[in-house]
Amino acid sequence: VIWGANAYVTDEDDRIYQGIRDVSKWSEKAR
């Protein structure tokens, strides 16, 4: 059983990944 998985990376995926690179910008609740 799998969920939330991907077999390849797109430009859209890349933009999401770059948005979380800096953990200092995360909310304290998340971090």
PDB file of all heavy atoms in Angstrom:
ATOM      1  N   VAL A   1       0.870  -1.176   0.000  1.00  0.00           N
ATOM      2  CA  VAL A   1       0.000   0.000   0.000  1.00  0.00           C
ATOM      3  C   VAL A   1       0.904   1.222   0.000  1.00  0.00           C
ATOM      4  O   VAL A   1       1.825   1.325   0.824  1.00  0.00           O
ATOM      5  CB  VAL A   1      -0.919   0.044   1.236  1.00  0.00           C
ATOM      6  CG1 VAL A   1      -1.851   1.249   1.167  1.00  0.00           C
ATOM      7  CG2 VAL A   1      -1.709  -1.256   1.368  1.00  0.00           C
ATOM      8  N   ILE A   2       0.674   2.146  -0.937  1.00  0.00           N
ATOM      9  CA  ILE A   2       1.469   3.376  -0.978  1.00  0.00           C
ATOM     10  C   ILE A   2       0.544   4.579  -1.112  1.00  0.00           C
ATOM     11  O   ILE A   2      -0.556   4.479  -1.656  1.00  0.00           O
ATOM     12  CB  ILE A   2       2.491   3.368  -2.133  1.00  0.00           C
ATOM     13  CG1 ILE A   2       1.791   3.282  -3.485  1.00  0.00           C
ATOM     14  CG2 ILE A   2       3.501   2.244  -1.963  1.00  0.00           C
ATOM     15  CD1 ILE A   2       2.704   3.551  -4.669  1.00  0.00           C
ATOM     16  N   TRP A   3       0.983   5.717  -0.620  1.00  0.00           N
ATOM     17  CA  TRP A   3       0.245   6.975  -0.771  1.00  0.00           C
ATOM     18  C   TRP A   3       1.241   8.136  -0.650  1.00  0.00           C
ATOM     19  O   TRP A   3       2.244   8.051   0.039  1.00  0.00           O
ATOM     20  CB  TRP A   3      -0.879   7.088   0.248  1.00  0.00           C
ATOM     21  CG  TRP A   3      -0.477   7.144   1.696  1.00  0.00           C
ATOM     22  CD1 TRP A   3      -0.490   8.235   2.516  1.00  0.00           C
ATOM     23  CD2 TRP A   3       0.001   6.041   2.513  1.00  0.00           C
ATOM     24  NE1 TRP A   3      -0.057   7.894   3.775  1.00  0.00           N
ATOM     25  CE2 TRP A   3       0.240   6.559   3.799  1.00  0.00           C
ATOM     26  CE3 TRP A   3       0.240   4.679   2.271  1.00  0.00           C
ATOM     27  CZ2 TRP A   3       0.725   5.768   4.842  1.00  0.00           C
ATOM     28  CZ3 TRP A   3       0.720   3.890   3.307  1.00  0.00           C
ATOM     29  CH2 TRP A   3       0.958   4.425   4.582  1.00  0.00           C
ATOM     30  N   GLY A   4       0.948   9.201  -1.411  1.00  0.00           N
ATOM     31  CA  GLY A   4       1.820  10.372  -1.386  1.00  0.00           C
ATOM     32  C   GLY A   4       3.166  10.145  -2.036  1.00  0.00           C
ATOM     33  O   GLY A   4       4.122  10.868  -1.737  1.00  0.00           O
ATOM     34  N   ALA A   5       3.262   9.173  -2.939  1.00  0.00           N
ATOM     35  CA  ALA A   5       4.541   8.841  -3.573  1.00  0.00           C
ATOM     36  C   ALA A   5       4.584   9.350  -5.004  1.00  0.00           C
ATOM     37  O   ALA A   5       3.552   9.584  -5.631  1.00  0.00           O
ATOM     38  CB  ALA A   5       4.776   7.335  -3.541  1.00  0.00           C
ATOM     39  N   ASN A   6       5.788   9.504  -5.534  1.00  0.00           N
ATOM     40  CA  ASN A   6       5.984   9.879  -6.926  1.00  0.00           C
ATOM     41  C   ASN A   6       7.155   9.114  -7.500  1.00  0.00           C
ATOM     42  O   ASN A   6       8.138   8.841  -6.801  1.00  0.00           O
ATOM     43  CB  ASN A   6       6.199  11.382  -7.077  1.00  0.00           C
ATOM     44  CG  ASN A   6       7.284  11.931  -6.173  1.00  0.00           C
ATOM     45  OD1 ASN A   6       7.202  11.799  -4.944  1.00  0.00           O
ATOM     46  ND2 ASN A   6       8.289  12.547  -6.748  1.00  0.00           N
ATOM     47  N   ALA A   7       7.056   8.749  -8.790  1.00  0.00           N
ATOM     48  CA  ALA A   7       8.101   7.969  -9.445  1.00  0.00           C
ATOM     49  C   ALA A   7       9.080   8.841 -10.218  1.00  0.00           C
ATOM     50  O   ALA A   7      10.058   8.344 -10.770  1.00  0.00           O
ATOM     51  CB  ALA A   7       7.476   6.939 -10.388  1.00  0.00           C
ATOM     52  N   TYR A   8       8.814  10.147 -10.257  1.00  0.00           N
ATOM     53  CA  TYR A   8       9.701  11.082 -10.952  1.00  0.00           C
ATOM     54  C   TYR A   8       9.474  12.478 -10.379  1.00  0.00           C
ATOM     55  O   TYR A   8       8.512  12.718  -9.635  1.00  0.00           O
ATOM     56  CB  TYR A   8       9.452  11.052 -12.462  1.00  0.00           C
ATOM     57  CG  TYR A   8       8.029  11.329 -12.876  1.00  0.00           C
ATOM     58  CD1 TYR A   8       7.603  12.608 -13.209  1.00  0.00           C
ATOM     59  CD2 TYR A   8       7.092  10.290 -12.930  1.00  0.00           C
ATOM     60  CE1 TYR A   8       6.296  12.857 -13.588  1.00  0.00           C
ATOM     61  CE2 TYR A   8       5.781  10.532 -13.313  1.00  0.00           C
ATOM     62  CZ  TYR A   8       5.383  11.818 -13.636  1.00  0.00           C
ATOM     63  OH  TYR A   8       4.086  12.053 -14.016  1.00  0.00           O
ATOM     64  N   VAL A   9      10.360  13.401 -10.720  1.00  0.00           N
ATOM     65  CA  VAL A   9      10.323  14.765 -10.194  1.00  0.00           C
ATOM     66  C   VAL A   9      10.071  15.744 -11.336  1.00  0.00           C
ATOM     67  O   VAL A   9      10.728  15.676 -12.376  1.00  0.00           O
ATOM     68  CB  VAL A   9      11.643  15.114  -9.472  1.00  0.00           C
ATOM     69  CG1 VAL A   9      11.661  16.580  -9.046  1.00  0.00           C
ATOM     70  CG2 VAL A   9      11.844  14.212  -8.260  1.00  0.00           C
ATOM     71  N   THR A  10       9.131  16.655 -11.117  1.00  0.00           N
ATOM     72  CA  THR A  10       8.791  17.675 -12.109  1.00  0.00           C
ATOM     73  C   THR A  10       9.234  19.053 -11.628  1.00  0.00           C
ATOM     74  O   THR A  10       9.656  19.230 -10.473  1.00  0.00           O
ATOM     75  CB  THR A  10       7.278  17.708 -12.357  1.00  0.00           C
ATOM     76  OG1 THR A  10       6.628  18.195 -11.160  1.00  0.00           O
ATOM     77  CG2 THR A  10       6.741  16.314 -12.691  1.00  0.00           C
ATOM     78  N   ASP A  11       9.102  20.048 -12.505  1.00  0.00           N
ATOM     79  CA  ASP A  11       9.399  21.425 -12.111  1.00  0.00           C
ATOM     80  C   ASP A  11       8.490  21.875 -10.966  1.00  0.00           C
ATOM     81  O   ASP A  11       8.924  22.587 -10.049  1.00  0.00           O
ATOM     82  CB  ASP A  11       9.230  22.373 -13.300  1.00  0.00           C
ATOM     83  CG  ASP A  11      10.321  22.193 -14.348  1.00  0.00           C
ATOM     84  OD1 ASP A  11      11.398  21.670 -14.003  1.00  0.00           O
ATOM     85  OD2 ASP A  11      10.088  22.572 -15.509  1.00  0.00           O
ATOM     86  N   GLU A  12       7.234  21.448 -11.012  1.00  0.00           N
ATOM     87  CA  GLU A  12       6.298  21.803  -9.943  1.00  0.00           C
ATOM     88  C   GLU A  12       6.757  21.234  -8.605  1.00  0.00           C
ATOM     89  O   GLU A  12       6.713  21.909  -7.565  1.00  0.00           O
ATOM     90  CB  GLU A  12       4.899  21.299 -10.284  1.00  0.00           C
ATOM     91  CG  GLU A  12       3.851  21.623  -9.232  1.00  0.00           C
ATOM     92  CD  GLU A  12       2.463  21.122  -9.603  1.00  0.00           C
ATOM     93  OE1 GLU A  12       2.296  20.616 -10.745  1.00  0.00           O
ATOM     94  OE2 GLU A  12       1.559  21.223  -8.762  1.00  0.00           O
ATOM     95  N   ASP A  13       7.200  19.976  -8.612  1.00  0.00           N
ATOM     96  CA  ASP A  13       7.723  19.363  -7.383  1.00  0.00           C
ATOM     97  C   ASP A  13       8.931  20.144  -6.874  1.00  0.00           C
ATOM     98  O   ASP A  13       9.059  20.422  -5.679  1.00  0.00           O
ATOM     99  CB  ASP A  13       8.137  17.910  -7.650  1.00  0.00           C
ATOM    100  CG  ASP A  13       6.984  17.037  -8.099  1.00  0.00           C
ATOM    101  OD1 ASP A  13       5.883  17.179  -7.550  1.00  0.00           O
ATOM    102  OD2 ASP A  13       7.205  16.208  -9.001  1.00  0.00           O
ATOM    103  N   ASP A  14       9.815  20.502  -7.781  1.00  0.00           N
ATOM    104  CA  ASP A  14      11.038  21.204  -7.414  1.00  0.00           C
ATOM    105  C   ASP A  14      10.730  22.521  -6.711  1.00  0.00           C
ATOM    106  O   ASP A  14      11.381  22.886  -5.722  1.00  0.00           O
ATOM    107  CB  ASP A  14      11.886  21.444  -8.666  1.00  0.00           C
ATOM    108  CG  ASP A  14      13.243  22.057  -8.340  1.00  0.00           C
ATOM    109  OD1 ASP A  14      13.785  21.774  -7.258  1.00  0.00           O
ATOM    110  OD2 ASP A  14      13.751  22.821  -9.180  1.00  0.00           O
ATOM    111  N   ARG A  15       9.733  23.258  -7.194  1.00  0.00           N
ATOM    112  CA  ARG A  15       9.381  24.528  -6.556  1.00  0.00           C
ATOM    113  C   ARG A  15       8.929  24.313  -5.107  1.00  0.00           C
ATOM    114  O   ARG A  15       9.258  25.112  -4.225  1.00  0.00           O
ATOM    115  CB  ARG A  15       8.278  25.222  -7.356  1.00  0.00           C
ATOM    116  CG  ARG A  15       8.755  25.805  -8.686  1.00  0.00           C
ATOM    117  CD  ARG A  15       7.705  26.734  -9.287  1.00  0.00           C
ATOM    118  NE  ARG A  15       6.488  26.020  -9.666  1.00  0.00           N
ATOM    119  CZ  ARG A  15       6.303  25.453 -10.850  1.00  0.00           C
ATOM    120  NH1 ARG A  15       7.255  25.491 -11.772  1.00  0.00           N
ATOM    121  NH2 ARG A  15       5.153  24.845 -11.126  1.00  0.00           N
ATOM    122  N   ILE A  16       8.191  23.235  -4.870  1.00  0.00           N
ATOM    123  CA  ILE A  16       7.751  22.934  -3.505  1.00  0.00           C
ATOM    124  C   ILE A  16       8.949  22.611  -2.625  1.00  0.00           C
ATOM    125  O   ILE A  16       9.072  23.099  -1.494  1.00  0.00           O
ATOM    126  CB  ILE A  16       6.747  21.768  -3.508  1.00  0.00           C
ATOM    127  CG1 ILE A  16       5.460  22.176  -4.224  1.00  0.00           C
ATOM    128  CG2 ILE A  16       6.433  21.327  -2.072  1.00  0.00           C
ATOM    129  CD1 ILE A  16       4.488  21.032  -4.441  1.00  0.00           C
ATOM    130  N   TYR A  17       9.869  21.799  -3.149  1.00  0.00           N
ATOM    131  CA  TYR A  17      11.043  21.422  -2.363  1.00  0.00           C
ATOM    132  C   TYR A  17      11.876  22.643  -1.982  1.00  0.00           C
ATOM    133  O   TYR A  17      12.342  22.765  -0.830  1.00  0.00           O
ATOM    134  CB  TYR A  17      11.915  20.440  -3.153  1.00  0.00           C
ATOM    135  CG  TYR A  17      11.213  19.192  -3.619  1.00  0.00           C
ATOM    136  CD1 TYR A  17      11.622  18.545  -4.797  1.00  0.00           C
ATOM    137  CD2 TYR A  17      10.146  18.644  -2.922  1.00  0.00           C
ATOM    138  CE1 TYR A  17      10.997  17.395  -5.248  1.00  0.00           C
ATOM    139  CE2 TYR A  17       9.502  17.500  -3.366  1.00  0.00           C
ATOM    140  CZ  TYR A  17       9.929  16.886  -4.533  1.00  0.00           C
ATOM    141  OH  TYR A  17       9.304  15.759  -4.983  1.00  0.00           O
ATOM    142  N   GLN A  18      12.069  23.549  -2.919  1.00  0.00           N
ATOM    143  CA  GLN A  18      12.880  24.734  -2.629  1.00  0.00           C
ATOM    144  C   GLN A  18      12.237  25.611  -1.564  1.00  0.00           C
ATOM    145  O   GLN A  18      12.931  26.311  -0.819  1.00  0.00           O
ATOM    146  CB  GLN A  18      13.112  25.539  -3.902  1.00  0.00           C
ATOM    147  CG  GLN A  18      13.886  24.813  -4.992  1.00  0.00           C
ATOM    148  CD  GLN A  18      15.253  24.323  -4.540  1.00  0.00           C
ATOM    149  OE1 GLN A  18      15.900  24.948  -3.692  1.00  0.00           O
ATOM    150  NE2 GLN A  18      15.703  23.210  -5.112  1.00  0.00           N
ATOM    151  N   GLY A  19      10.907  25.556  -1.465  1.00  0.00           N
ATOM    152  CA  GLY A  19      10.206  26.377  -0.492  1.00  0.00           C
ATOM    153  C   GLY A  19      10.421  25.982   0.948  1.00  0.00           C
ATOM    154  O   GLY A  19      10.084  26.755   1.854  1.00  0.00           O
ATOM    155  N   ILE A  20      10.971  24.794   1.197  1.00  0.00           N
ATOM    156  CA  ILE A  20      11.173  24.360   2.587  1.00  0.00           C
ATOM    157  C   ILE A  20      12.650  24.194   2.938  1.00  0.00           C
ATOM    158  O   ILE A  20      12.981  23.670   3.993  1.00  0.00           O
ATOM    159  CB  ILE A  20      10.440  23.037   2.863  1.00  0.00           C
ATOM    160  CG1 ILE A  20      10.986  21.916   1.985  1.00  0.00           C
ATOM    161  CG2 ILE A  20       8.948  23.197   2.695  1.00  0.00           C
ATOM    162  CD1 ILE A  20      10.630  20.538   2.468  1.00  0.00           C
ATOM    163  N   ARG A  21      13.531  24.633   2.073  1.00  0.00           N
ATOM    164  CA  ARG A  21      14.967  24.435   2.303  1.00  0.00           C
ATOM    165  C   ARG A  21      15.440  25.041   3.619  1.00  0.00           C
ATOM    166  O   ARG A  21      16.229  24.437   4.349  1.00  0.00           O
ATOM    167  CB  ARG A  21      15.754  25.037   1.135  1.00  0.00           C
ATOM    168  CG  ARG A  21      17.260  24.935   1.294  1.00  0.00           C
ATOM    169  CD  ARG A  21      17.968  25.695   0.194  1.00  0.00           C
ATOM    170  NE  ARG A  21      17.825  25.021  -1.085  1.00  0.00           N
ATOM    171  CZ  ARG A  21      18.645  24.066  -1.526  1.00  0.00           C
ATOM    172  NH1 ARG A  21      19.662  23.663  -0.755  1.00  0.00           N
ATOM    173  NH2 ARG A  21      18.461  23.522  -2.700  1.00  0.00           N
ATOM    174  N   ASP A  22      14.971  26.241   3.934  1.00  0.00           N
ATOM    175  CA  ASP A  22      15.437  26.974   5.111  1.00  0.00           C
ATOM    176  C   ASP A  22      14.481  26.729   6.273  1.00  0.00           C
ATOM    177  O   ASP A  22      13.377  27.290   6.326  1.00  0.00           O
ATOM    178  CB  ASP A  22      15.513  28.461   4.780  1.00  0.00           C
ATOM    179  CG  ASP A  22      16.090  29.292   5.919  1.00  0.00           C
ATOM    180  OD1 ASP A  22      16.346  28.733   7.015  1.00  0.00           O
ATOM    181  OD2 ASP A  22      16.278  30.509   5.711  1.00  0.00           O
ATOM    182  N   VAL A  23      14.894  25.900   7.241  1.00  0.00           N
ATOM    183  CA  VAL A  23      13.995  25.554   8.347  1.00  0.00           C
ATOM    184  C   VAL A  23      13.738  26.728   9.272  1.00  0.00           C
ATOM    185  O   VAL A  23      12.757  26.713  10.029  1.00  0.00           O
ATOM    186  CB  VAL A  23      14.535  24.351   9.150  1.00  0.00           C
ATOM    187  CG1 VAL A  23      14.677  23.128   8.264  1.00  0.00           C
ATOM    188  CG2 VAL A  23      15.840  24.683   9.848  1.00  0.00           C
ATOM    189  N   SER A  24      14.577  27.765   9.237  1.00  0.00           N
ATOM    190  CA  SER A  24      14.344  28.933  10.078  1.00  0.00           C
ATOM    191  C   SER A  24      13.080  29.670   9.660  1.00  0.00           C
ATOM    192  O   SER A  24      12.531  30.463  10.436  1.00  0.00           O
ATOM    193  CB  SER A  24      15.540  29.890  10.018  1.00  0.00           C
ATOM    194  OG  SER A  24      15.633  30.522   8.751  1.00  0.00           O
ATOM    195  N   LYS A  25      12.599  29.410   8.446  1.00  0.00           N
ATOM    196  CA  LYS A  25      11.375  30.036   7.948  1.00  0.00           C
ATOM    197  C   LYS A  25      10.129  29.204   8.245  1.00  0.00           C
ATOM    198  O   LYS A  25       9.022  29.641   7.945  1.00  0.00           O
ATOM    199  CB  LYS A  25      11.495  30.303   6.448  1.00  0.00           C
ATOM    200  CG  LYS A  25      12.595  31.289   6.104  1.00  0.00           C
ATOM    201  CD  LYS A  25      12.701  31.514   4.599  1.00  0.00           C
ATOM    202  CE  LYS A  25      13.813  32.500   4.282  1.00  0.00           C
ATOM    203  NZ  LYS A  25      13.961  32.722   2.812  1.00  0.00           N
ATOM    204  N   TRP A  26      10.322  28.012   8.805  1.00  0.00           N
ATOM    205  CA  TRP A  26       9.168  27.203   9.192  1.00  0.00           C
ATOM    206  C   TRP A  26       8.506  27.832  10.413  1.00  0.00           C
ATOM    207  O   TRP A  26       9.136  28.544  11.202  1.00  0.00           O
ATOM    208  CB  TRP A  26       9.588  25.790   9.560  1.00  0.00           C
ATOM    209  CG  TRP A  26      10.180  24.972   8.464  1.00  0.00           C
ATOM    210  CD1 TRP A  26      10.422  25.343   7.168  1.00  0.00           C
ATOM    211  CD2 TRP A  26      10.644  23.627   8.578  1.00  0.00           C
ATOM    212  NE1 TRP A  26      10.993  24.325   6.472  1.00  0.00           N
ATOM    213  CE2 TRP A  26      11.141  23.253   7.307  1.00  0.00           C
ATOM    214  CE3 TRP A  26      10.678  22.715   9.625  1.00  0.00           C
ATOM    215  CZ2 TRP A  26      11.669  21.988   7.061  1.00  0.00           C
ATOM    216  CZ3 TRP A  26      11.198  21.455   9.388  1.00  0.00           C
ATOM    217  CH2 TRP A  26      11.685  21.091   8.122  1.00  0.00           C
ATOM    218  N   SER A  27       7.248  27.528  10.611  1.00  0.00           N
ATOM    219  CA  SER A  27       6.597  27.928  11.856  1.00  0.00           C
ATOM    220  C   SER A  27       7.224  27.173  13.022  1.00  0.00           C
ATOM    221  O   SER A  27       7.738  26.058  12.855  1.00  0.00           O
ATOM    222  CB  SER A  27       5.101  27.621  11.790  1.00  0.00           C
ATOM    223  OG  SER A  27       4.877  26.222  11.818  1.00  0.00           O
ATOM    224  N   GLU A  28       7.176  27.782  14.188  1.00  0.00           N
ATOM    225  CA  GLU A  28       7.730  27.109  15.370  1.00  0.00           C
ATOM    226  C   GLU A  28       6.991  25.809  15.654  1.00  0.00           C
ATOM    227  O   GLU A  28       7.598  24.818  16.079  1.00  0.00           O
ATOM    228  CB  GLU A  28       7.665  28.020  16.587  1.00  0.00           C
ATOM    229  CG  GLU A  28       8.299  27.397  17.825  1.00  0.00           C
ATOM    230  CD  GLU A  28       8.312  28.334  19.014  1.00  0.00           C
ATOM    231  OE1 GLU A  28       7.850  29.485  18.863  1.00  0.00           O
ATOM    232  OE2 GLU A  28       8.781  27.921  20.090  1.00  0.00           O
ATOM    233  N   LYS A  29       5.674  25.801  15.396  1.00  0.00           N
ATOM    234  CA  LYS A  29       4.886  24.597  15.637  1.00  0.00           C
ATOM    235  C   LYS A  29       5.365  23.446  14.783  1.00  0.00           C
ATOM    236  O   LYS A  29       5.389  22.282  15.218  1.00  0.00           O
ATOM    237  CB  LYS A  29       3.411  24.889  15.350  1.00  0.00           C
ATOM    238  CG  LYS A  29       2.480  23.737  15.684  1.00  0.00           C
ATOM    239  CD  LYS A  29       1.025  24.129  15.463  1.00  0.00           C
ATOM    240  CE  LYS A  29       0.084  23.003  15.853  1.00  0.00           C
ATOM    241  NZ  LYS A  29      -1.344  23.387  15.646  1.00  0.00           N
ATOM    242  N   ALA A  30       5.770  23.737  13.549  1.00  0.00           N
ATOM    243  CA  ALA A  30       6.268  22.685  12.656  1.00  0.00           C
ATOM    244  C   ALA A  30       7.694  22.294  12.993  1.00  0.00           C
ATOM    245  O   ALA A  30       8.067  21.125  12.917  1.00  0.00           O
ATOM    246  CB  ALA A  30       6.183  23.152  11.208  1.00  0.00           C
ATOM    247  N   ARG A  31       8.499  23.286  13.381  1.00  0.00           N
ATOM    248  CA  ARG A  31       9.922  23.040  13.558  1.00  0.00           C
ATOM    249  C   ARG A  31      10.284  22.441  14.916  1.00  0.00           C
ATOM    250  O   ARG A  31      11.175  21.586  15.015  1.00  0.00           O
ATOM    251  CB  ARG A  31      10.690  24.360  13.364  1.00  0.00           C
ATOM    252  CG  ARG A  31      12.207  24.205  13.398  1.00  0.00           C
ATOM    253  CD  ARG A  31      12.916  25.548  13.208  1.00  0.00           C
ATOM    254  NE  ARG A  31      12.628  26.464  14.307  1.00  0.00           N
ATOM    255  CZ  ARG A  31      11.927  27.582  14.181  1.00  0.00           C
ATOM    256  NH1 ARG A  31      11.412  27.912  13.009  1.00  0.00           N
ATOM    257  NH2 ARG A  31      11.715  28.363  15.226  1.00  0.00           N
TER     258      ARG A  31
END
